[in-house]
């Protein structure tokens, strides 16, 4: 799975579980940052949400859950 594919998974998860459209959640999530496995051996991706306080809290909860299932992603596009 690539970083952009995982971002899509997070967006769909939030839209389905919390409501609101995918455009809203995609904007709140921002870009998914992928790091080198050589420097981030436990998990090589992160998000830096920039939405409302509610959106950021929900994004962080979703990331915590999805990070367990997908700790590593490919850079991809």
PDB file of N, CA and C in Angstrom:
ATOM      1  N   UNK A   1       0.846  -1.169   0.000  1.00  0.00           N
ATOM      2  CA  UNK A   1       0.000   0.000   0.000  1.00  0.00           C
ATOM      3  C   UNK A   1       0.894   1.236   0.000  1.00  0.00           C
ATOM      4  N   UNK A   2       0.511   2.207  -0.771  1.00  0.00           N
ATOM      5  CA  UNK A   2       1.267   3.461  -0.817  1.00  0.00           C
ATOM      6  C   UNK A   2       0.694   4.451   0.195  1.00  0.00           C
ATOM      7  N   UNK A   3       1.431   5.525   0.419  1.00  0.00           N
ATOM      8  CA  UNK A   3       0.962   6.569   1.325  1.00  0.00           C
ATOM      9  C   UNK A   3      -0.346   7.184   0.859  1.00  0.00           C
ATOM     10  N   UNK A   4      -0.485   7.436  -0.439  1.00  0.00           N
ATOM     11  CA  UNK A   4      -1.721   8.042  -0.944  1.00  0.00           C
ATOM     12  C   UNK A   4      -2.895   7.077  -0.827  1.00  0.00           C
ATOM     13  N   UNK A   5      -2.633   5.778  -1.004  1.00  0.00           N
ATOM     14  CA  UNK A   5      -3.711   4.792  -0.822  1.00  0.00           C
ATOM     15  C   UNK A   5      -4.156   4.739   0.634  1.00  0.00           C
ATOM     16  N   UNK A   6      -3.198   4.786   1.550  1.00  0.00           N
ATOM     17  CA  UNK A   6      -3.548   4.783   2.975  1.00  0.00           C
ATOM     18  C   UNK A   6      -4.312   6.045   3.344  1.00  0.00           C
ATOM     19  N   UNK A   7      -3.940   7.168   2.786  1.00  0.00           N
ATOM     20  CA  UNK A   7      -4.681   8.410   3.033  1.00  0.00           C
ATOM     21  C   UNK A   7      -6.128   8.249   2.595  1.00  0.00           C
ATOM     22  N   UNK A   8      -6.348   7.617   1.450  1.00  0.00           N
ATOM     23  CA  UNK A   8      -7.712   7.356   0.982  1.00  0.00           C
ATOM     24  C   UNK A   8      -8.474   6.458   1.952  1.00  0.00           C
ATOM     25  N   UNK A   9      -7.787   5.463   2.504  1.00  0.00           N
ATOM     26  CA  UNK A   9      -8.415   4.571   3.486  1.00  0.00           C
ATOM     27  C   UNK A   9      -8.843   5.366   4.723  1.00  0.00           C
ATOM     28  N   UNK A  10      -7.978   6.241   5.197  1.00  0.00           N
ATOM     29  CA  UNK A  10      -8.296   7.064   6.370  1.00  0.00           C
ATOM     30  C   UNK A  10      -9.482   7.975   6.070  1.00  0.00           C
ATOM     31  N   UNK A  11      -9.472   8.595   4.908  1.00  0.00           N
ATOM     32  CA  UNK A  11     -10.563   9.491   4.512  1.00  0.00           C
ATOM     33  C   UNK A  11     -11.890   8.730   4.472  1.00  0.00           C
ATOM     34  N   UNK A  12     -11.911   7.584   3.824  1.00  0.00           N
ATOM     35  CA  UNK A  12     -13.159   6.801   3.733  1.00  0.00           C
ATOM     36  C   UNK A  12     -13.620   6.331   5.107  1.00  0.00           C
ATOM     37  N   UNK A  13     -12.675   5.918   5.947  1.00  0.00           N
ATOM     38  CA  UNK A  13     -13.006   5.475   7.304  1.00  0.00           C
ATOM     39  C   UNK A  13     -13.689   6.603   8.088  1.00  0.00           C
ATOM     40  N   UNK A  14     -13.127   7.791   8.026  1.00  0.00           N
ATOM     41  CA  UNK A  14     -13.693   8.922   8.767  1.00  0.00           C
ATOM     42  C   UNK A  14     -15.036   9.360   8.200  1.00  0.00           C
ATOM     43  N   UNK A  15     -15.154   9.406   6.884  1.00  0.00           N
ATOM     44  CA  UNK A  15     -16.421   9.812   6.273  1.00  0.00           C
ATOM     45  C   UNK A  15     -17.529   8.832   6.643  1.00  0.00           C
ATOM     46  N   UNK A  16     -17.203   7.559   6.658  1.00  0.00           N
ATOM     47  CA  UNK A  16     -18.206   6.545   6.989  1.00  0.00           C
ATOM     48  C   UNK A  16     -18.548   6.538   8.478  1.00  0.00           C
ATOM     49  N   UNK A  17     -17.524   6.620   9.329  1.00  0.00           N
ATOM     50  CA  UNK A  17     -17.774   6.481  10.764  1.00  0.00           C
ATOM     51  C   UNK A  17     -18.191   7.781  11.452  1.00  0.00           C
ATOM     52  N   UNK A  18     -17.763   8.921  10.923  1.00  0.00           N
ATOM     53  CA  UNK A  18     -18.041  10.198  11.580  1.00  0.00           C
ATOM     54  C   UNK A  18     -18.938  11.122  10.773  1.00  0.00           C
ATOM     55  N   UNK A  19     -19.238  10.750   9.536  1.00  0.00           N
ATOM     56  CA  UNK A  19     -20.084  11.591   8.700  1.00  0.00           C
ATOM     57  C   UNK A  19     -19.285  12.693   8.034  1.00  0.00           C
ATOM     58  N   UNK A  20     -19.984  13.482   7.265  1.00  0.00           N
ATOM     59  CA  UNK A  20     -19.292  14.511   6.494  1.00  0.00           C
ATOM     60  C   UNK A  20     -18.744  13.888   5.222  1.00  0.00           C
ATOM     61  N   UNK A  21     -18.389  14.703   4.301  1.00  0.00           N
ATOM     62  CA  UNK A  21     -17.922  14.192   3.024  1.00  0.00           C
ATOM     63  C   UNK A  21     -16.435  13.901   3.017  1.00  0.00           C
ATOM     64  N   UNK A  22     -16.026  13.192   1.988  1.00  0.00           N
ATOM     65  CA  UNK A  22     -14.613  12.869   1.847  1.00  0.00           C
ATOM     66  C   UNK A  22     -13.778  14.120   1.596  1.00  0.00           C
ATOM     67  N   UNK A  23     -14.351  15.120   0.946  1.00  0.00           N
ATOM     68  CA  UNK A  23     -13.611  16.363   0.694  1.00  0.00           C
ATOM     69  C   UNK A  23     -13.246  17.027   2.024  1.00  0.00           C
ATOM     70  N   UNK A  24     -14.196  17.035   2.955  1.00  0.00           N
ATOM     71  CA  UNK A  24     -13.952  17.632   4.281  1.00  0.00           C
ATOM     72  C   UNK A  24     -12.799  16.929   4.982  1.00  0.00           C
ATOM     73  N   UNK A  25     -12.844  15.600   5.027  1.00  0.00           N
ATOM     74  CA  UNK A  25     -11.827  14.855   5.758  1.00  0.00           C
ATOM     75  C   UNK A  25     -10.481  14.900   5.041  1.00  0.00           C
ATOM     76  N   UNK A  26     -10.486  14.878   3.714  1.00  0.00           N
ATOM     77  CA  UNK A  26      -9.226  14.957   2.966  1.00  0.00           C
ATOM     78  C   UNK A  26      -8.520  16.289   3.267  1.00  0.00           C
ATOM     79  N   UNK A  27      -9.279  17.359   3.332  1.00  0.00           N
ATOM     80  CA  UNK A  27      -8.706  18.671   3.633  1.00  0.00           C
ATOM     81  C   UNK A  27      -8.168  18.715   5.058  1.00  0.00           C
ATOM     82  N   UNK A  28      -8.896  18.118   5.993  1.00  0.00           N
ATOM     83  CA  UNK A  28      -8.477  18.141   7.397  1.00  0.00           C
ATOM     84  C   UNK A  28      -7.241  17.272   7.632  1.00  0.00           C
ATOM     85  N   UNK A  29      -7.127  16.188   6.900  1.00  0.00           N
ATOM     86  CA  UNK A  29      -5.982  15.290   7.069  1.00  0.00           C
ATOM     87  C   UNK A  29      -4.719  15.893   6.476  1.00  0.00           C
ATOM     88  N   UNK A  30      -4.842  16.513   5.339  1.00  0.00           N
ATOM     89  CA  UNK A  30      -3.655  17.021   4.657  1.00  0.00           C
ATOM     90  C   UNK A  30      -2.896  15.877   4.012  1.00  0.00           C
ATOM     91  N   UNK A  31      -1.638  16.093   3.745  1.00  0.00           N
ATOM     92  CA  UNK A  31      -0.824  15.075   3.110  1.00  0.00           C
ATOM     93  C   UNK A  31      -0.289  14.080   4.131  1.00  0.00           C
ATOM     94  N   UNK A  32      -0.185  12.834   3.715  1.00  0.00           N
ATOM     95  CA  UNK A  32       0.407  11.804   4.547  1.00  0.00           C
ATOM     96  C   UNK A  32       1.911  11.815   4.281  1.00  0.00           C
ATOM     97  N   UNK A  33       2.700  11.914   5.325  1.00  0.00           N
ATOM     98  CA  UNK A  33       4.156  11.969   5.213  1.00  0.00           C
ATOM     99  C   UNK A  33       4.723  10.565   5.379  1.00  0.00           C
ATOM    100  N   UNK A  34       5.550  10.138   4.422  1.00  0.00           N
ATOM    101  CA  UNK A  34       6.188   8.822   4.479  1.00  0.00           C
ATOM    102  C   UNK A  34       7.676   9.021   4.744  1.00  0.00           C
ATOM    103  N   UNK A  35       8.198   8.279   5.729  1.00  0.00           N
ATOM    104  CA  UNK A  35       9.594   8.369   6.125  1.00  0.00           C
ATOM    105  C   UNK A  35      10.354   7.112   5.712  1.00  0.00           C
ATOM    106  N   UNK A  36      11.655   7.185   5.745  1.00  0.00           N
ATOM    107  CA  UNK A  36      12.518   6.054   5.425  1.00  0.00           C
ATOM    108  C   UNK A  36      12.405   4.984   6.513  1.00  0.00           C
ATOM    109  N   UNK A  37      12.395   3.724   6.102  1.00  0.00           N
ATOM    110  CA  UNK A  37      12.369   2.631   7.075  1.00  0.00           C
ATOM    111  C   UNK A  37      13.655   2.578   7.893  1.00  0.00           C
ATOM    112  N   UNK A  38      14.737   3.101   7.342  1.00  0.00           N
ATOM    113  CA  UNK A  38      16.006   3.067   8.077  1.00  0.00           C
ATOM    114  C   UNK A  38      16.002   4.001   9.284  1.00  0.00           C
ATOM    115  N   UNK A  39      15.180   5.019   9.260  1.00  0.00           N
ATOM    116  CA  UNK A  39      15.112   5.946  10.392  1.00  0.00           C
ATOM    117  C   UNK A  39      13.827   5.806  11.207  1.00  0.00           C
ATOM    118  N   UNK A  40      12.847   5.116  10.667  1.00  0.00           N
ATOM    119  CA  UNK A  40      11.560   4.940  11.355  1.00  0.00           C
ATOM    120  C   UNK A  40      11.172   3.470  11.294  1.00  0.00           C
ATOM    121  N   UNK A  41      11.826   2.670  12.108  1.00  0.00           N
ATOM    122  CA  UNK A  41      11.653   1.224  12.068  1.00  0.00           C
ATOM    123  C   UNK A  41      10.344   0.698  12.612  1.00  0.00           C
ATOM    124  N   UNK A  42       9.641   1.475  13.417  1.00  0.00           N
ATOM    125  CA  UNK A  42       8.386   0.995  14.006  1.00  0.00           C
ATOM    126  C   UNK A  42       7.165   1.375  13.163  1.00  0.00           C
ATOM    127  N   UNK A  43       7.242   2.466  12.449  1.00  0.00           N
ATOM    128  CA  UNK A  43       6.140   2.959  11.613  1.00  0.00           C
ATOM    129  C   UNK A  43       6.706   4.067  10.736  1.00  0.00           C
ATOM    130  N   UNK A  44       6.449   4.002   9.442  1.00  0.00           N
ATOM    131  CA  UNK A  44       7.116   4.969   8.567  1.00  0.00           C
ATOM    132  C   UNK A  44       6.196   6.025   7.972  1.00  0.00           C
ATOM    133  N   UNK A  45       5.080   6.299   8.607  1.00  0.00           N
ATOM    134  CA  UNK A  45       4.207   7.351   8.088  1.00  0.00           C
ATOM    135  C   UNK A  45       3.559   8.127   9.221  1.00  0.00           C
ATOM    136  N   UNK A  46       3.094   9.330   8.866  1.00  0.00           N
ATOM    137  CA  UNK A  46       2.442  10.186   9.844  1.00  0.00           C
ATOM    138  C   UNK A  46       1.554  11.187   9.107  1.00  0.00           C
ATOM    139  N   UNK A  47       0.585  11.719   9.803  1.00  0.00           N
ATOM    140  CA  UNK A  47      -0.249  12.797   9.271  1.00  0.00           C
ATOM    141  C   UNK A  47      -0.133  13.984  10.211  1.00  0.00           C
ATOM    142  N   UNK A  48      -0.384  15.153   9.672  1.00  0.00           N
ATOM    143  CA  UNK A  48      -0.397  16.376  10.481  1.00  0.00           C
ATOM    144  C   UNK A  48      -1.714  17.089  10.206  1.00  0.00           C
ATOM    145  N   UNK A  49      -2.761  16.686  10.919  1.00  0.00           N
ATOM    146  CA  UNK A  49      -4.084  17.254  10.651  1.00  0.00           C
ATOM    147  C   UNK A  49      -4.126  18.754  10.897  1.00  0.00           C
ATOM    148  N   UNK A  50      -4.996  19.421  10.139  1.00  0.00           N
ATOM    149  CA  UNK A  50      -5.104  20.877  10.247  1.00  0.00           C
ATOM    150  C   UNK A  50      -6.550  21.329  10.231  1.00  0.00           C
ATOM    151  N   UNK A  51      -7.454  20.504  10.714  1.00  0.00           N
ATOM    152  CA  UNK A  51      -8.859  20.874  10.742  1.00  0.00           C
ATOM    153  C   UNK A  51      -9.238  21.487  12.075  1.00  0.00           C
ATOM    154  N   UNK A  52     -10.510  21.360  12.398  1.00  0.00           N
ATOM    155  CA  UNK A  52     -11.002  21.841  13.685  1.00  0.00           C
ATOM    156  C   UNK A  52     -10.479  20.933  14.795  1.00  0.00           C
ATOM    157  N   UNK A  53     -10.673  21.347  16.026  1.00  0.00           N
ATOM    158  CA  UNK A  53     -10.253  20.526  17.163  1.00  0.00           C
ATOM    159  C   UNK A  53     -10.928  19.162  17.108  1.00  0.00           C
ATOM    160  N   UNK A  54     -12.228  19.128  16.803  1.00  0.00           N
ATOM    161  CA  UNK A  54     -12.964  17.871  16.676  1.00  0.00           C
ATOM    162  C   UNK A  54     -12.365  17.009  15.574  1.00  0.00           C
ATOM    163  N   UNK A  55     -12.125  17.604  14.397  1.00  0.00           N
ATOM    164  CA  UNK A  55     -11.589  16.840  13.266  1.00  0.00           C
ATOM    165  C   UNK A  55     -10.205  16.274  13.596  1.00  0.00           C
ATOM    166  N   UNK A  56      -9.371  17.092  14.219  1.00  0.00           N
ATOM    167  CA  UNK A  56      -8.029  16.623  14.558  1.00  0.00           C
ATOM    168  C   UNK A  56      -8.078  15.462  15.553  1.00  0.00           C
ATOM    169  N   UNK A  57      -8.961  15.539  16.529  1.00  0.00           N
ATOM    170  CA  UNK A  57      -9.094  14.456  17.507  1.00  0.00           C
ATOM    171  C   UNK A  57      -9.578  13.174  16.832  1.00  0.00           C
ATOM    172  N   UNK A  58     -10.545  13.285  15.939  1.00  0.00           N
ATOM    173  CA  UNK A  58     -11.058  12.108  15.242  1.00  0.00           C
ATOM    174  C   UNK A  58     -10.009  11.518  14.296  1.00  0.00           C
ATOM    175  N   UNK A  59      -9.247  12.369  13.647  1.00  0.00           N
ATOM    176  CA  UNK A  59      -8.180  11.898  12.761  1.00  0.00           C
ATOM    177  C   UNK A  59      -7.131  11.143  13.568  1.00  0.00           C
ATOM    178  N   UNK A  60      -6.740  11.688  14.709  1.00  0.00           N
ATOM    179  CA  UNK A  60      -5.741  11.016  15.546  1.00  0.00           C
ATOM    180  C   UNK A  60      -6.244   9.660  16.025  1.00  0.00           C
ATOM    181  N   UNK A  61      -7.520   9.569  16.373  1.00  0.00           N
ATOM    182  CA  UNK A  61      -8.089   8.277  16.787  1.00  0.00           C
ATOM    183  C   UNK A  61      -8.047   7.279  15.631  1.00  0.00           C
ATOM    184  N   UNK A  62      -8.424   7.726  14.453  1.00  0.00           N
ATOM    185  CA  UNK A  62      -8.413   6.851  13.274  1.00  0.00           C
ATOM    186  C   UNK A  62      -6.986   6.413  12.943  1.00  0.00           C
ATOM    187  N   UNK A  63      -6.049   7.335  13.040  1.00  0.00           N
ATOM    188  CA  UNK A  63      -4.649   7.012  12.759  1.00  0.00           C
ATOM    189  C   UNK A  63      -4.134   5.969  13.740  1.00  0.00           C
ATOM    190  N   UNK A  64      -4.474   6.098  15.014  1.00  0.00           N
ATOM    191  CA  UNK A  64      -4.038   5.127  16.013  1.00  0.00           C
ATOM    192  C   UNK A  64      -4.519   3.722  15.657  1.00  0.00           C
ATOM    193  N   UNK A  65      -5.757   3.600  15.209  1.00  0.00           N
ATOM    194  CA  UNK A  65      -6.323   2.296  14.839  1.00  0.00           C
ATOM    195  C   UNK A  65      -5.675   1.771  13.557  1.00  0.00           C
ATOM    196  N   UNK A  66      -5.595   2.613  12.554  1.00  0.00           N
ATOM    197  CA  UNK A  66      -5.086   2.165  11.257  1.00  0.00           C
ATOM    198  C   UNK A  66      -3.581   1.936  11.263  1.00  0.00           C
ATOM    199  N   UNK A  67      -2.862   2.600  12.149  1.00  0.00           N
ATOM    200  CA  UNK A  67      -1.418   2.390  12.246  1.00  0.00           C
ATOM    201  C   UNK A  67      -1.108   0.956  12.680  1.00  0.00           C
ATOM    202  N   UNK A  68      -1.958   0.364  13.496  1.00  0.00           N
ATOM    203  CA  UNK A  68      -1.749  -1.022  13.914  1.00  0.00           C
ATOM    204  C   UNK A  68      -1.880  -1.981  12.734  1.00  0.00           C
ATOM    205  N   UNK A  69      -2.814  -1.698  11.850  1.00  0.00           N
ATOM    206  CA  UNK A  69      -3.037  -2.565  10.688  1.00  0.00           C
ATOM    207  C   UNK A  69      -2.056  -2.277   9.553  1.00  0.00           C
ATOM    208  N   UNK A  70      -1.576  -1.049   9.460  1.00  0.00           N
ATOM    209  CA  UNK A  70      -0.706  -0.628   8.355  1.00  0.00           C
ATOM    210  C   UNK A  70       0.470   0.203   8.884  1.00  0.00           C
ATOM    211  N   UNK A  71       1.427  -0.427   9.554  1.00  0.00           N
ATOM    212  CA  UNK A  71       2.536   0.360  10.108  1.00  0.00           C
ATOM    213  C   UNK A  71       3.512   0.874   9.042  1.00  0.00           C
ATOM    214  N   UNK A  72       3.559   0.192   7.902  1.00  0.00           N
ATOM    215  CA  UNK A  72       4.510   0.579   6.858  1.00  0.00           C
ATOM    216  C   UNK A  72       3.808   0.762   5.529  1.00  0.00           C
ATOM    217  N   UNK A  73       4.197   1.803   4.801  1.00  0.00           N
ATOM    218  CA  UNK A  73       3.672   2.049   3.468  1.00  0.00           C
ATOM    219  C   UNK A  73       4.830   2.351   2.522  1.00  0.00           C
ATOM    220  N   UNK A  74       4.561   2.191   1.243  1.00  0.00           N
ATOM    221  CA  UNK A  74       5.527   2.563   0.217  1.00  0.00           C
ATOM    222  C   UNK A  74       5.355   4.031  -0.085  1.00  0.00           C
ATOM    223  N   UNK A  75       6.388   4.647  -0.609  1.00  0.00           N
ATOM    224  CA  UNK A  75       6.317   6.059  -0.935  1.00  0.00           C
ATOM    225  C   UNK A  75       5.215   6.296  -1.955  1.00  0.00           C
ATOM    226  N   UNK A  76       5.275   5.662  -3.107  1.00  0.00           N
ATOM    227  CA  UNK A  76       4.223   5.777  -4.115  1.00  0.00           C
ATOM    228  C   UNK A  76       3.851   7.216  -4.424  1.00  0.00           C
ATOM    229  N   UNK A  77       2.761   7.355  -5.147  1.00  0.00           N
ATOM    230  CA  UNK A  77       2.262   8.684  -5.517  1.00  0.00           C
ATOM    231  C   UNK A  77       0.871   8.849  -4.980  1.00  0.00           C
TER     232      UNK A  77
END
